[in-house]
């Protein structure tokens, strides 16, 4: 029998690294249009990967706990992830002025990579 908390943490690390790798490849692809496009795509993918890392960090912070506490941890983790997502996308688009299309493509590809990774890393 495996420790579900340790297994969940290991899978979270694998998934985030997988997302960062896919985001890096997409960023390299967009570099053909210029380094600004590549940076925007990498940033978009990185935003999603960091959001999932924050989610996992908050989710597993309590370790083994009663059901209500775990439920609160899930809700808190989701709030942290969404606050990060909104803030990071605002900063990338409005403050830094990254190219919108590659950034959104990076976000979408990293999210699809998350769904694929959940099926790959069990």
C-alpha atoms as a PDB file:
ATOM      1  CA  UNK A   1       0.000   0.000   0.000  1.00  0.00           C
ATOM      2  CA  UNK A   2       1.366   3.408  -0.875  1.00  0.00           C
ATOM      3  CA  UNK A   3       1.125   6.614   1.129  1.00  0.00           C
ATOM      4  CA  UNK A   4      -1.550   8.661  -0.638  1.00  0.00           C
ATOM      5  CA  UNK A   5      -0.177  12.026   0.551  1.00  0.00           C
ATOM      6  CA  UNK A   6       3.377  11.253  -0.613  1.00  0.00           C
ATOM      7  CA  UNK A   7       2.045   9.792  -3.869  1.00  0.00           C
ATOM      8  CA  UNK A   8      -0.078  12.906  -4.451  1.00  0.00           C
ATOM      9  CA  UNK A   9       2.883  15.193  -3.828  1.00  0.00           C
ATOM     10  CA  UNK A  10       5.096  13.208  -6.207  1.00  0.00           C
ATOM     11  CA  UNK A  11       2.413  13.285  -8.886  1.00  0.00           C
ATOM     12  CA  UNK A  12       1.936  17.034  -8.411  1.00  0.00           C
ATOM     13  CA  UNK A  13       5.655  17.607  -8.994  1.00  0.00           C
ATOM     14  CA  UNK A  14       5.618  15.361 -12.074  1.00  0.00           C
ATOM     15  CA  UNK A  15       2.573  17.123 -13.509  1.00  0.00           C
ATOM     16  CA  UNK A  16       4.009  20.611 -12.956  1.00  0.00           C
ATOM     17  CA  UNK A  17       7.342  19.603 -14.524  1.00  0.00           C
ATOM     18  CA  UNK A  18       5.484  18.076 -17.469  1.00  0.00           C
ATOM     19  CA  UNK A  19       3.527  21.309 -17.933  1.00  0.00           C
ATOM     20  CA  UNK A  20       6.708  23.394 -17.766  1.00  0.00           C
ATOM     21  CA  UNK A  21       8.353  21.139 -20.351  1.00  0.00           C
ATOM     22  CA  UNK A  22       5.418  21.439 -22.748  1.00  0.00           C
ATOM     23  CA  UNK A  23       5.286  25.214 -22.170  1.00  0.00           C
ATOM     24  CA  UNK A  24       8.999  25.402 -22.943  1.00  0.00           C
ATOM     25  CA  UNK A  25       8.496  23.562 -26.231  1.00  0.00           C
ATOM     26  CA  UNK A  26       5.601  25.829 -27.206  1.00  0.00           C
ATOM     27  CA  UNK A  27       7.729  28.849 -26.302  1.00  0.00           C
ATOM     28  CA  UNK A  28      10.520  27.552 -28.535  1.00  0.00           C
ATOM     29  CA  UNK A  29       8.015  27.118 -31.352  1.00  0.00           C
ATOM     30  CA  UNK A  30       6.803  30.680 -30.969  1.00  0.00           C
ATOM     31  CA  UNK A  31      10.399  31.932 -30.984  1.00  0.00           C
ATOM     32  CA  UNK A  32      10.193  31.517 -34.767  1.00  0.00           C
ATOM     33  CA  UNK A  33       7.967  34.616 -34.700  1.00  0.00           C
ATOM     34  CA  UNK A  34      10.387  36.461 -32.429  1.00  0.00           C
ATOM     35  CA  UNK A  35      11.615  36.273 -28.866  1.00  0.00           C
ATOM     36  CA  UNK A  36       8.658  38.360 -27.642  1.00  0.00           C
ATOM     37  CA  UNK A  37       6.208  35.726 -28.867  1.00  0.00           C
ATOM     38  CA  UNK A  38       8.286  32.927 -27.363  1.00  0.00           C
ATOM     39  CA  UNK A  39       8.462  34.709 -24.028  1.00  0.00           C
ATOM     40  CA  UNK A  40       4.709  35.310 -24.022  1.00  0.00           C
ATOM     41  CA  UNK A  41       3.958  31.637 -24.747  1.00  0.00           C
ATOM     42  CA  UNK A  42       6.369  30.474 -22.050  1.00  0.00           C
ATOM     43  CA  UNK A  43       4.860  32.948 -19.594  1.00  0.00           C
ATOM     44  CA  UNK A  44       1.324  31.722 -20.311  1.00  0.00           C
ATOM     45  CA  UNK A  45       2.314  28.104 -19.788  1.00  0.00           C
ATOM     46  CA  UNK A  46       4.291  28.998 -16.687  1.00  0.00           C
ATOM     47  CA  UNK A  47       1.292  30.781 -15.191  1.00  0.00           C
ATOM     48  CA  UNK A  48      -0.767  27.592 -15.422  1.00  0.00           C
ATOM     49  CA  UNK A  49       2.040  25.390 -14.089  1.00  0.00           C
ATOM     50  CA  UNK A  50       2.694  27.685 -11.121  1.00  0.00           C
ATOM     51  CA  UNK A  51      -1.051  27.843 -10.448  1.00  0.00           C
ATOM     52  CA  UNK A  52      -1.197  24.060 -10.260  1.00  0.00           C
ATOM     53  CA  UNK A  53       1.890  24.007  -8.035  1.00  0.00           C
ATOM     54  CA  UNK A  54       0.209  26.491  -5.677  1.00  0.00           C
ATOM     55  CA  UNK A  55      -2.932  24.370  -5.682  1.00  0.00           C
ATOM     56  CA  UNK A  56      -0.987  21.232  -4.774  1.00  0.00           C
ATOM     57  CA  UNK A  57       1.041  23.044  -2.113  1.00  0.00           C
ATOM     58  CA  UNK A  58      -2.111  24.300  -0.389  1.00  0.00           C
ATOM     59  CA  UNK A  59      -3.975  21.021  -0.844  1.00  0.00           C
ATOM     60  CA  UNK A  60      -1.264  18.878   0.745  1.00  0.00           C
ATOM     61  CA  UNK A  61      -0.222  21.397   3.417  1.00  0.00           C
ATOM     62  CA  UNK A  62      -2.395  19.837   6.137  1.00  0.00           C
ATOM     63  CA  UNK A  63      -1.276  16.262   5.472  1.00  0.00           C
ATOM     64  CA  UNK A  64      -3.637  13.684   6.912  1.00  0.00           C
ATOM     65  CA  UNK A  65      -6.633  15.522   8.371  1.00  0.00           C
ATOM     66  CA  UNK A  66     -10.362  15.177   8.954  1.00  0.00           C
ATOM     67  CA  UNK A  67     -12.664  15.341   5.949  1.00  0.00           C
ATOM     68  CA  UNK A  68     -13.940  18.862   6.634  1.00  0.00           C
ATOM     69  CA  UNK A  69     -10.431  20.201   6.884  1.00  0.00           C
ATOM     70  CA  UNK A  70      -9.472  18.547   3.604  1.00  0.00           C
ATOM     71  CA  UNK A  71     -12.588  20.001   1.949  1.00  0.00           C
ATOM     72  CA  UNK A  72     -11.619  23.478   3.185  1.00  0.00           C
ATOM     73  CA  UNK A  73      -8.095  22.871   1.873  1.00  0.00           C
ATOM     74  CA  UNK A  74      -9.495  22.043  -1.581  1.00  0.00           C
ATOM     75  CA  UNK A  75     -11.585  25.238  -1.642  1.00  0.00           C
ATOM     76  CA  UNK A  76      -8.699  27.344  -0.350  1.00  0.00           C
ATOM     77  CA  UNK A  77      -6.343  25.812  -2.908  1.00  0.00           C
ATOM     78  CA  UNK A  78      -8.758  26.629  -5.715  1.00  0.00           C
ATOM     79  CA  UNK A  79      -9.079  30.231  -4.522  1.00  0.00           C
ATOM     80  CA  UNK A  80      -5.305  30.614  -4.336  1.00  0.00           C
ATOM     81  CA  UNK A  81      -4.956  29.210  -7.857  1.00  0.00           C
ATOM     82  CA  UNK A  82      -7.600  31.541  -9.330  1.00  0.00           C
ATOM     83  CA  UNK A  83      -6.228  34.623  -7.589  1.00  0.00           C
ATOM     84  CA  UNK A  84      -2.784  33.740  -8.952  1.00  0.00           C
ATOM     85  CA  UNK A  85      -4.181  33.167 -12.449  1.00  0.00           C
ATOM     86  CA  UNK A  86      -6.048  36.485 -12.616  1.00  0.00           C
ATOM     87  CA  UNK A  87      -3.144  38.455 -11.130  1.00  0.00           C
ATOM     88  CA  UNK A  88      -0.493  36.838 -13.338  1.00  0.00           C
ATOM     89  CA  UNK A  89      -2.514  37.245 -16.542  1.00  0.00           C
ATOM     90  CA  UNK A  90      -3.243  40.872 -15.686  1.00  0.00           C
ATOM     91  CA  UNK A  91       0.438  41.531 -15.046  1.00  0.00           C
ATOM     92  CA  UNK A  92       1.493  39.767 -18.238  1.00  0.00           C
ATOM     93  CA  UNK A  93      -1.016  41.453 -20.521  1.00  0.00           C
ATOM     94  CA  UNK A  94      -1.642  44.890 -18.995  1.00  0.00           C
ATOM     95  CA  UNK A  95       1.555  45.716 -17.134  1.00  0.00           C
ATOM     96  CA  UNK A  96       4.335  43.942 -19.030  1.00  0.00           C
ATOM     97  CA  UNK A  97       2.525  44.063 -22.381  1.00  0.00           C
ATOM     98  CA  UNK A  98       3.218  40.532 -23.601  1.00  0.00           C
ATOM     99  CA  UNK A  99       1.838  39.442 -26.962  1.00  0.00           C
ATOM    100  CA  UNK A 100      -1.715  38.174 -26.297  1.00  0.00           C
ATOM    101  CA  UNK A 101      -2.062  35.320 -28.812  1.00  0.00           C
ATOM    102  CA  UNK A 102       1.090  33.382 -27.829  1.00  0.00           C
ATOM    103  CA  UNK A 103       0.311  33.950 -24.158  1.00  0.00           C
ATOM    104  CA  UNK A 104      -3.188  32.489 -24.508  1.00  0.00           C
ATOM    105  CA  UNK A 105      -1.862  29.588 -26.595  1.00  0.00           C
ATOM    106  CA  UNK A 106       0.684  28.885 -23.840  1.00  0.00           C
ATOM    107  CA  UNK A 107      -2.108  28.909 -21.255  1.00  0.00           C
ATOM    108  CA  UNK A 108      -4.273  26.539 -23.295  1.00  0.00           C
ATOM    109  CA  UNK A 109      -1.462  24.134 -24.136  1.00  0.00           C
ATOM    110  CA  UNK A 110      -0.309  23.969 -20.513  1.00  0.00           C
ATOM    111  CA  UNK A 111      -3.878  23.258 -19.386  1.00  0.00           C
ATOM    112  CA  UNK A 112      -4.252  20.477 -21.951  1.00  0.00           C
ATOM    113  CA  UNK A 113      -0.860  19.154 -20.803  1.00  0.00           C
ATOM    114  CA  UNK A 114      -2.275  19.052 -17.259  1.00  0.00           C
ATOM    115  CA  UNK A 115      -5.209  16.913 -18.373  1.00  0.00           C
ATOM    116  CA  UNK A 116      -2.882  14.606 -20.301  1.00  0.00           C
ATOM    117  CA  UNK A 117      -0.468  14.375 -17.370  1.00  0.00           C
ATOM    118  CA  UNK A 118      -3.247  13.384 -14.986  1.00  0.00           C
ATOM    119  CA  UNK A 119      -3.866  10.373 -17.209  1.00  0.00           C
ATOM    120  CA  UNK A 120      -0.169   9.600 -17.647  1.00  0.00           C
ATOM    121  CA  UNK A 121       1.046   9.909 -14.043  1.00  0.00           C
ATOM    122  CA  UNK A 122      -1.131   7.694 -11.884  1.00  0.00           C
END
